Protein backbone atom coordinates (compact mmCIF):
# COMPACT_ATOMS: atom_id res chain seq x y z
CA MET A 1 -1.41 66.01 -60.33
CA PRO A 2 -3.75 65.89 -57.32
CA GLU A 3 -7.16 64.30 -57.63
CA ILE A 4 -10.00 66.49 -58.81
CA GLN A 5 -11.92 68.00 -55.91
CA TRP A 6 -15.65 67.36 -56.19
CA THR A 7 -18.39 68.98 -54.14
CA ILE A 8 -18.73 65.73 -52.14
CA HIS A 9 -15.13 66.13 -50.91
CA THR A 10 -16.58 68.87 -48.71
CA THR A 11 -20.18 67.78 -48.19
CA HIS A 12 -19.84 63.97 -47.98
CA PRO A 13 -16.11 63.16 -47.58
CA GLU A 14 -16.92 59.64 -46.37
CA MET A 15 -18.36 58.84 -49.84
CA VAL A 16 -15.46 60.03 -51.98
CA GLU A 17 -13.41 56.83 -51.90
CA GLN A 18 -16.37 54.59 -52.82
CA ALA A 19 -17.49 56.98 -55.56
CA ARG A 20 -13.98 57.04 -57.07
CA ALA A 21 -13.64 53.24 -56.84
CA SER A 22 -16.99 52.62 -58.55
CA LEU A 23 -16.44 55.21 -61.27
CA ALA A 24 -12.93 53.87 -61.92
CA GLU A 25 -14.61 50.69 -63.22
CA VAL A 26 -15.78 52.65 -66.28
CA ILE A 27 -13.09 52.36 -68.96
CA ASP A 28 -12.83 54.47 -72.10
CA PRO A 29 -12.57 51.66 -74.68
CA GLU A 30 -10.60 53.75 -77.17
CA ILE A 31 -7.91 54.87 -74.73
CA GLY A 32 -8.02 51.96 -72.30
CA LEU A 33 -7.94 54.13 -69.16
CA ASP A 34 -10.73 54.67 -66.67
CA ILE A 35 -12.80 57.84 -66.47
CA ILE A 36 -11.21 58.84 -63.14
CA GLN A 37 -7.66 58.61 -64.55
CA LEU A 38 -8.77 60.60 -67.59
CA GLY A 39 -10.38 63.32 -65.46
CA LEU A 40 -13.73 62.93 -67.22
CA ILE A 41 -15.71 63.20 -63.98
CA ARG A 42 -15.70 66.94 -63.35
CA ASN A 43 -17.94 67.01 -60.27
CA VAL A 44 -20.09 64.85 -57.99
CA GLU A 45 -22.74 66.51 -55.85
CA ILE A 46 -25.26 65.05 -53.43
CA GLU A 47 -28.43 66.91 -52.60
CA ASN A 48 -31.64 65.63 -51.01
CA GLY A 49 -30.59 61.99 -51.28
CA MET A 50 -29.74 62.22 -54.99
CA ALA A 51 -26.37 62.45 -56.68
CA ARG A 52 -25.53 64.52 -59.72
CA VAL A 53 -22.43 63.58 -61.71
CA ASN A 54 -21.00 66.10 -64.16
CA MET A 55 -18.86 64.44 -66.81
CA ILE A 56 -17.26 65.18 -70.14
CA LEU A 57 -16.09 62.91 -72.94
CA THR A 58 -12.66 62.86 -74.54
CA THR A 59 -14.24 64.03 -77.81
CA PRO A 60 -17.73 65.46 -78.41
CA PHE A 61 -18.42 62.75 -80.99
CA CYS A 62 -17.05 59.82 -79.00
CA PRO A 63 -18.74 56.73 -80.50
CA TYR A 64 -18.74 55.12 -77.07
CA GLY A 65 -20.26 58.20 -75.40
CA PRO A 66 -23.81 56.92 -74.83
CA ALA A 67 -22.58 53.59 -73.46
CA MET A 68 -20.03 55.31 -71.20
CA ILE A 69 -22.69 57.68 -69.85
CA GLU A 70 -25.01 54.76 -69.04
CA MET A 71 -22.18 52.80 -67.42
CA THR A 72 -21.17 55.90 -65.40
CA LYS A 73 -24.75 56.28 -64.17
CA ALA A 74 -24.95 52.60 -63.22
CA LYS A 75 -21.58 52.57 -61.42
CA ALA A 76 -22.27 55.82 -59.57
CA THR A 77 -25.70 54.54 -58.48
CA GLU A 78 -24.06 51.34 -57.22
CA GLY A 79 -21.17 53.11 -55.49
CA LEU A 80 -23.17 55.89 -53.86
CA ASN A 81 -26.23 53.73 -53.17
CA MET A 82 -28.66 56.42 -54.31
CA PRO A 83 -30.31 57.69 -57.51
CA VAL A 84 -27.87 59.44 -59.86
CA THR A 85 -28.27 61.78 -62.80
CA VAL A 86 -25.40 62.31 -65.22
CA GLU A 87 -25.05 65.76 -66.71
CA MET A 88 -22.75 66.42 -69.62
CA GLY A 89 -20.34 69.31 -69.19
CA MET A 90 -19.40 71.50 -72.11
CA GLU A 91 -15.67 71.65 -71.33
CA MET A 92 -13.33 70.36 -73.99
CA TRP A 93 -11.18 67.55 -72.61
CA ASP A 94 -7.42 67.71 -72.89
CA PHE A 95 -4.49 65.81 -71.41
CA SER A 96 -3.97 68.36 -68.63
CA MET A 97 -7.24 67.17 -67.06
CA MET A 98 -5.79 63.73 -66.41
CA GLU A 99 -4.92 62.81 -62.83
CA ASP A 100 -1.75 61.13 -64.08
CA PRO A 101 -0.77 62.20 -67.61
CA SER A 102 2.19 59.82 -67.48
CA ALA A 103 -0.37 57.02 -67.88
CA LEU A 104 -0.40 57.97 -71.56
CA ASP A 105 3.28 57.16 -71.97
CA TRP A 106 2.64 54.45 -74.48
CA GLY A 107 4.09 56.34 -77.40
CA MET A 108 0.86 57.20 -79.13
CA TYR A 109 0.97 60.92 -78.39
CA THR A 110 4.65 61.76 -78.69
């Protein structure tokens, strides 16, 4: 599956690789995969020197949610070198959102 296209792919293509690398450092502790692999980052926009990250969680009641949101904000701020706000999307996550669903081939979901 191709990588998710964010607004910055069009507006700031030179920042995509660094944004993805920084955000990939945020790991979902329950699943053990990063938030890029899981497709949890739905969009990244930059406007007036500020970035807005739209993300979802694997479950609405994810016990690690608040910590993952804070880590996402910190890593995005570091990677983009600008202030970042994290907005929570209302989409329900499912496996089809993953960039590489074969990463889940560890027998848990068969």
